[in-house]
Amino acid sequence: MGKSIVTQISNKYKSVSPLFDERTKRLWAAAESHEPGWGGISAVHDGTGIHR
């Protein structure tokens, strides 16, 4: 997984995470994991620290 993808996800997460409760955080992570395709779940985990 490219470092830039993880960095992009991390930056997005940092900007919106204060607005999320636990449910919306996980919904956002699930939606975000589809964008990069294969390896997206790992990229979201690496970028946010949200467990799989």
PDB file of N, CA and C in Angstrom:
ATOM      1  N   MET A   1       0.849  -1.175   0.000  1.00  0.00           N
ATOM      2  CA  MET A   1       0.000   0.000   0.000  1.00  0.00           C
ATOM      3  C   MET A   1       0.889   1.231   0.000  1.00  0.00           C
ATOM      4  N   GLY A   2       0.604   2.138  -0.909  1.00  0.00           N
ATOM      5  CA  GLY A   2       1.421   3.335  -1.028  1.00  0.00           C
ATOM      6  C   GLY A   2       1.305   4.251   0.174  1.00  0.00           C
ATOM      7  N   LYS A   3       2.415   4.824   0.541  1.00  0.00           N
ATOM      8  CA  LYS A   3       2.459   5.730   1.689  1.00  0.00           C
ATOM      9  C   LYS A   3       1.536   6.930   1.481  1.00  0.00           C
ATOM     10  N   SER A   4       1.435   7.390   0.234  1.00  0.00           N
ATOM     11  CA  SER A   4       0.615   8.567  -0.015  1.00  0.00           C
ATOM     12  C   SER A   4      -0.863   8.305   0.242  1.00  0.00           C
ATOM     13  N   ILE A   5      -1.338   7.105  -0.049  1.00  0.00           N
ATOM     14  CA  ILE A   5      -2.742   6.756   0.207  1.00  0.00           C
ATOM     15  C   ILE A   5      -3.009   6.804   1.707  1.00  0.00           C
ATOM     16  N   VAL A   6      -2.127   6.189   2.479  1.00  0.00           N
ATOM     17  CA  VAL A   6      -2.285   6.166   3.931  1.00  0.00           C
ATOM     18  C   VAL A   6      -2.239   7.587   4.493  1.00  0.00           C
ATOM     19  N   THR A   7      -1.344   8.402   3.968  1.00  0.00           N
ATOM     20  CA  THR A   7      -1.235   9.788   4.413  1.00  0.00           C
ATOM     21  C   THR A   7      -2.495  10.572   4.072  1.00  0.00           C
ATOM     22  N   GLN A   8      -3.041  10.373   2.895  1.00  0.00           N
ATOM     23  CA  GLN A   8      -4.270  11.052   2.501  1.00  0.00           C
ATOM     24  C   GLN A   8      -5.426  10.665   3.416  1.00  0.00           C
ATOM     25  N   ILE A   9      -5.551   9.380   3.697  1.00  0.00           N
ATOM     26  CA  ILE A   9      -6.619   8.908   4.582  1.00  0.00           C
ATOM     27  C   ILE A   9      -6.432   9.486   5.982  1.00  0.00           C
ATOM     28  N   SER A  10      -5.209   9.485   6.455  1.00  0.00           N
ATOM     29  CA  SER A  10      -4.918  10.025   7.778  1.00  0.00           C
ATOM     30  C   SER A  10      -5.284  11.509   7.862  1.00  0.00           C
ATOM     31  N   ASN A  11      -4.930  12.267   6.845  1.00  0.00           N
ATOM     32  CA  ASN A  11      -5.246  13.692   6.833  1.00  0.00           C
ATOM     33  C   ASN A  11      -6.748  13.942   6.794  1.00  0.00           C
ATOM     34  N   LYS A  12      -7.468  13.169   5.982  1.00  0.00           N
ATOM     35  CA  LYS A  12      -8.932  13.293   5.931  1.00  0.00           C
ATOM     36  C   LYS A  12      -9.529  12.979   7.299  1.00  0.00           C
ATOM     37  N   TYR A  13      -9.053  11.884   7.892  1.00  0.00           N
ATOM     38  CA  TYR A  13      -9.590  11.449   9.178  1.00  0.00           C
ATOM     39  C   TYR A  13      -9.361  12.497  10.267  1.00  0.00           C
ATOM     40  N   LYS A  14      -8.168  13.077  10.293  1.00  0.00           N
ATOM     41  CA  LYS A  14      -7.863  14.094  11.303  1.00  0.00           C
ATOM     42  C   LYS A  14      -8.770  15.312  11.172  1.00  0.00           C
ATOM     43  N   SER A  15      -9.158  15.638   9.954  1.00  0.00           N
ATOM     44  CA  SER A  15      -9.982  16.828   9.765  1.00  0.00           C
ATOM     45  C   SER A  15     -11.446  16.606  10.119  1.00  0.00           C
ATOM     46  N   VAL A  16     -11.940  15.383  10.011  1.00  0.00           N
ATOM     47  CA  VAL A  16     -13.365  15.142  10.268  1.00  0.00           C
ATOM     48  C   VAL A  16     -13.652  14.363  11.548  1.00  0.00           C
ATOM     49  N   SER A  17     -12.663  13.713  12.112  1.00  0.00           N
ATOM     50  CA  SER A  17     -12.916  12.843  13.274  1.00  0.00           C
ATOM     51  C   SER A  17     -13.508  13.566  14.492  1.00  0.00           C
ATOM     52  N   PRO A  18     -13.206  14.834  14.743  1.00  0.00           N
ATOM     53  CA  PRO A  18     -13.847  15.471  15.899  1.00  0.00           C
ATOM     54  C   PRO A  18     -15.373  15.562  15.790  1.00  0.00           C
ATOM     55  N   LEU A  19     -15.891  15.442  14.583  1.00  0.00           N
ATOM     56  CA  LEU A  19     -17.331  15.538  14.361  1.00  0.00           C
ATOM     57  C   LEU A  19     -18.051  14.199  14.511  1.00  0.00           C
ATOM     58  N   PHE A  20     -17.292  13.108  14.605  1.00  0.00           N
ATOM     59  CA  PHE A  20     -17.865  11.764  14.567  1.00  0.00           C
ATOM     60  C   PHE A  20     -18.100  11.186  15.952  1.00  0.00           C
ATOM     61  N   ASP A  21     -19.191  10.421  16.055  1.00  0.00           N
ATOM     62  CA  ASP A  21     -19.325   9.519  17.189  1.00  0.00           C
ATOM     63  C   ASP A  21     -18.816   8.153  16.696  1.00  0.00           C
ATOM     64  N   GLU A  22     -18.887   7.134  17.534  1.00  0.00           N
ATOM     65  CA  GLU A  22     -18.319   5.831  17.172  1.00  0.00           C
ATOM     66  C   GLU A  22     -18.971   5.255  15.914  1.00  0.00           C
ATOM     67  N   ARG A  23     -20.268   5.393  15.796  1.00  0.00           N
ATOM     68  CA  ARG A  23     -20.983   4.824  14.653  1.00  0.00           C
ATOM     69  C   ARG A  23     -20.577   5.512  13.352  1.00  0.00           C
ATOM     70  N   THR A  24     -20.576   6.830  13.343  1.00  0.00           N
ATOM     71  CA  THR A  24     -20.228   7.534  12.114  1.00  0.00           C
ATOM     72  C   THR A  24     -18.753   7.358  11.765  1.00  0.00           C
ATOM     73  N   LYS A  25     -17.911   7.202  12.774  1.00  0.00           N
ATOM     74  CA  LYS A  25     -16.495   6.940  12.522  1.00  0.00           C
ATOM     75  C   LYS A  25     -16.328   5.635  11.748  1.00  0.00           C
ATOM     76  N   ARG A  26     -17.027   4.604  12.168  1.00  0.00           N
ATOM     77  CA  ARG A  26     -16.910   3.300  11.503  1.00  0.00           C
ATOM     78  C   ARG A  26     -17.572   3.288  10.123  1.00  0.00           C
ATOM     79  N   LEU A  27     -18.682   4.021   9.979  1.00  0.00           N
ATOM     80  CA  LEU A  27     -19.315   4.129   8.663  1.00  0.00           C
ATOM     81  C   LEU A  27     -18.396   4.859   7.681  1.00  0.00           C
ATOM     82  N   TRP A  28     -17.771   5.933   8.146  1.00  0.00           N
ATOM     83  CA  TRP A  28     -16.839   6.670   7.299  1.00  0.00           C
ATOM     84  C   TRP A  28     -15.670   5.768   6.903  1.00  0.00           C
ATOM     85  N   ALA A  29     -15.130   5.035   7.860  1.00  0.00           N
ATOM     86  CA  ALA A  29     -13.992   4.154   7.582  1.00  0.00           C
ATOM     87  C   ALA A  29     -14.365   3.080   6.561  1.00  0.00           C
ATOM     88  N   ALA A  30     -15.557   2.528   6.677  1.00  0.00           N
ATOM     89  CA  ALA A  30     -15.997   1.504   5.728  1.00  0.00           C
ATOM     90  C   ALA A  30     -16.122   2.086   4.327  1.00  0.00           C
ATOM     91  N   ALA A  31     -16.708   3.263   4.223  1.00  0.00           N
ATOM     92  CA  ALA A  31     -16.849   3.906   2.914  1.00  0.00           C
ATOM     93  C   ALA A  31     -15.476   4.270   2.341  1.00  0.00           C
ATOM     94  N   GLU A  32     -14.604   4.771   3.170  1.00  0.00           N
ATOM     95  CA  GLU A  32     -13.269   5.187   2.732  1.00  0.00           C
ATOM     96  C   GLU A  32     -12.429   3.995   2.272  1.00  0.00           C
ATOM     97  N   SER A  33     -12.656   2.830   2.841  1.00  0.00           N
ATOM     98  CA  SER A  33     -11.851   1.654   2.492  1.00  0.00           C
ATOM     99  C   SER A  33     -12.116   1.163   1.073  1.00  0.00           C
ATOM    100  N   HIS A  34     -13.216   1.583   0.466  1.00  0.00           N
ATOM    101  CA  HIS A  34     -13.524   1.165  -0.905  1.00  0.00           C
ATOM    102  C   HIS A  34     -12.764   1.983  -1.946  1.00  0.00           C
ATOM    103  N   GLU A  35     -12.390   3.200  -1.612  1.00  0.00           N
ATOM    104  CA  GLU A  35     -11.768   4.093  -2.592  1.00  0.00           C
ATOM    105  C   GLU A  35     -10.460   3.558  -3.174  1.00  0.00           C
ATOM    106  N   PRO A  36      -9.505   3.108  -2.349  1.00  0.00           N
ATOM    107  CA  PRO A  36      -8.238   2.657  -2.939  1.00  0.00           C
ATOM    108  C   PRO A  36      -8.301   1.271  -3.582  1.00  0.00           C
ATOM    109  N   GLY A  37      -9.410   0.569  -3.424  1.00  0.00           N
ATOM    110  CA  GLY A  37      -9.506  -0.778  -3.996  1.00  0.00           C
ATOM    111  C   GLY A  37      -8.817  -1.797  -3.096  1.00  0.00           C
ATOM    112  N   TRP A  38      -8.091  -2.734  -3.713  1.00  0.00           N
ATOM    113  CA  TRP A  38      -7.432  -3.799  -2.957  1.00  0.00           C
ATOM    114  C   TRP A  38      -6.484  -3.184  -1.937  1.00  0.00           C
ATOM    115  N   GLY A  39      -6.600  -3.614  -0.690  1.00  0.00           N
ATOM    116  CA  GLY A  39      -5.760  -3.096   0.382  1.00  0.00           C
ATOM    117  C   GLY A  39      -6.346  -1.888   1.089  1.00  0.00           C
ATOM    118  N   GLY A  40      -7.550  -1.516   0.710  1.00  0.00           N
ATOM    119  CA  GLY A  40      -8.176  -0.330   1.302  1.00  0.00           C
ATOM    120  C   GLY A  40      -8.428  -0.450   2.794  1.00  0.00           C
ATOM    121  N   ILE A  41      -8.810  -1.626   3.244  1.00  0.00           N
ATOM    122  CA  ILE A  41      -9.066  -1.821   4.674  1.00  0.00           C
ATOM    123  C   ILE A  41      -7.777  -1.626   5.461  1.00  0.00           C
ATOM    124  N   SER A  42      -6.686  -2.183   4.953  1.00  0.00           N
ATOM    125  CA  SER A  42      -5.392  -2.009   5.624  1.00  0.00           C
ATOM    126  C   SER A  42      -4.954  -0.550   5.605  1.00  0.00           C
ATOM    127  N   ALA A  43      -5.212   0.138   4.504  1.00  0.00           N
ATOM    128  CA  ALA A  43      -4.838   1.552   4.407  1.00  0.00           C
ATOM    129  C   ALA A  43      -5.600   2.389   5.425  1.00  0.00           C
ATOM    130  N   VAL A  44      -6.893   2.115   5.581  1.00  0.00           N
ATOM    131  CA  VAL A  44      -7.702   2.846   6.569  1.00  0.00           C
ATOM    132  C   VAL A  44      -7.216   2.529   7.974  1.00  0.00           C
ATOM    133  N   HIS A  45      -6.909   1.287   8.233  1.00  0.00           N
ATOM    134  CA  HIS A  45      -6.390   0.909   9.550  1.00  0.00           C
ATOM    135  C   HIS A  45      -5.073   1.623   9.832  1.00  0.00           C
ATOM    136  N   ASP A  46      -4.170   1.608   8.865  1.00  0.00           N
ATOM    137  CA  ASP A  46      -2.864   2.242   9.053  1.00  0.00           C
ATOM    138  C   ASP A  46      -2.994   3.759   9.204  1.00  0.00           C
ATOM    139  N   GLY A  47      -3.927   4.359   8.483  1.00  0.00           N
ATOM    140  CA  GLY A  47      -4.078   5.803   8.502  1.00  0.00           C
ATOM    141  C   GLY A  47      -4.847   6.357   9.675  1.00  0.00           C
ATOM    142  N   THR A  48      -5.702   5.506  10.274  1.00  0.00           N
ATOM    143  CA  THR A  48      -6.567   6.008  11.349  1.00  0.00           C
ATOM    144  C   THR A  48      -6.364   5.317  12.688  1.00  0.00           C
ATOM    145  N   GLY A  49      -5.888   4.091  12.652  1.00  0.00           N
ATOM    146  CA  GLY A  49      -5.764   3.332  13.888  1.00  0.00           C
ATOM    147  C   GLY A  49      -7.053   2.609  14.276  1.00  0.00           C
ATOM    148  N   ILE A  50      -8.087   2.748  13.437  1.00  0.00           N
ATOM    149  CA  ILE A  50      -9.354   2.048  13.679  1.00  0.00           C
ATOM    150  C   ILE A  50      -9.128   0.569  13.408  1.00  0.00           C
ATOM    151  N   HIS A  51      -9.504  -0.275  14.339  1.00  0.00           N
ATOM    152  CA  HIS A  51      -9.314  -1.711  14.182  1.00  0.00           C
ATOM    153  C   HIS A  51     -10.271  -2.253  13.139  1.00  0.00           C
ATOM    154  N   ARG A  52      -9.822  -3.336  12.518  1.00  0.00           N
ATOM    155  CA  ARG A  52     -10.608  -3.963  11.443  1.00  0.00           C
ATOM    156  C   ARG A  52     -11.851  -4.600  11.960  1.00  0.00           C
TER     157      ARG A  52
END
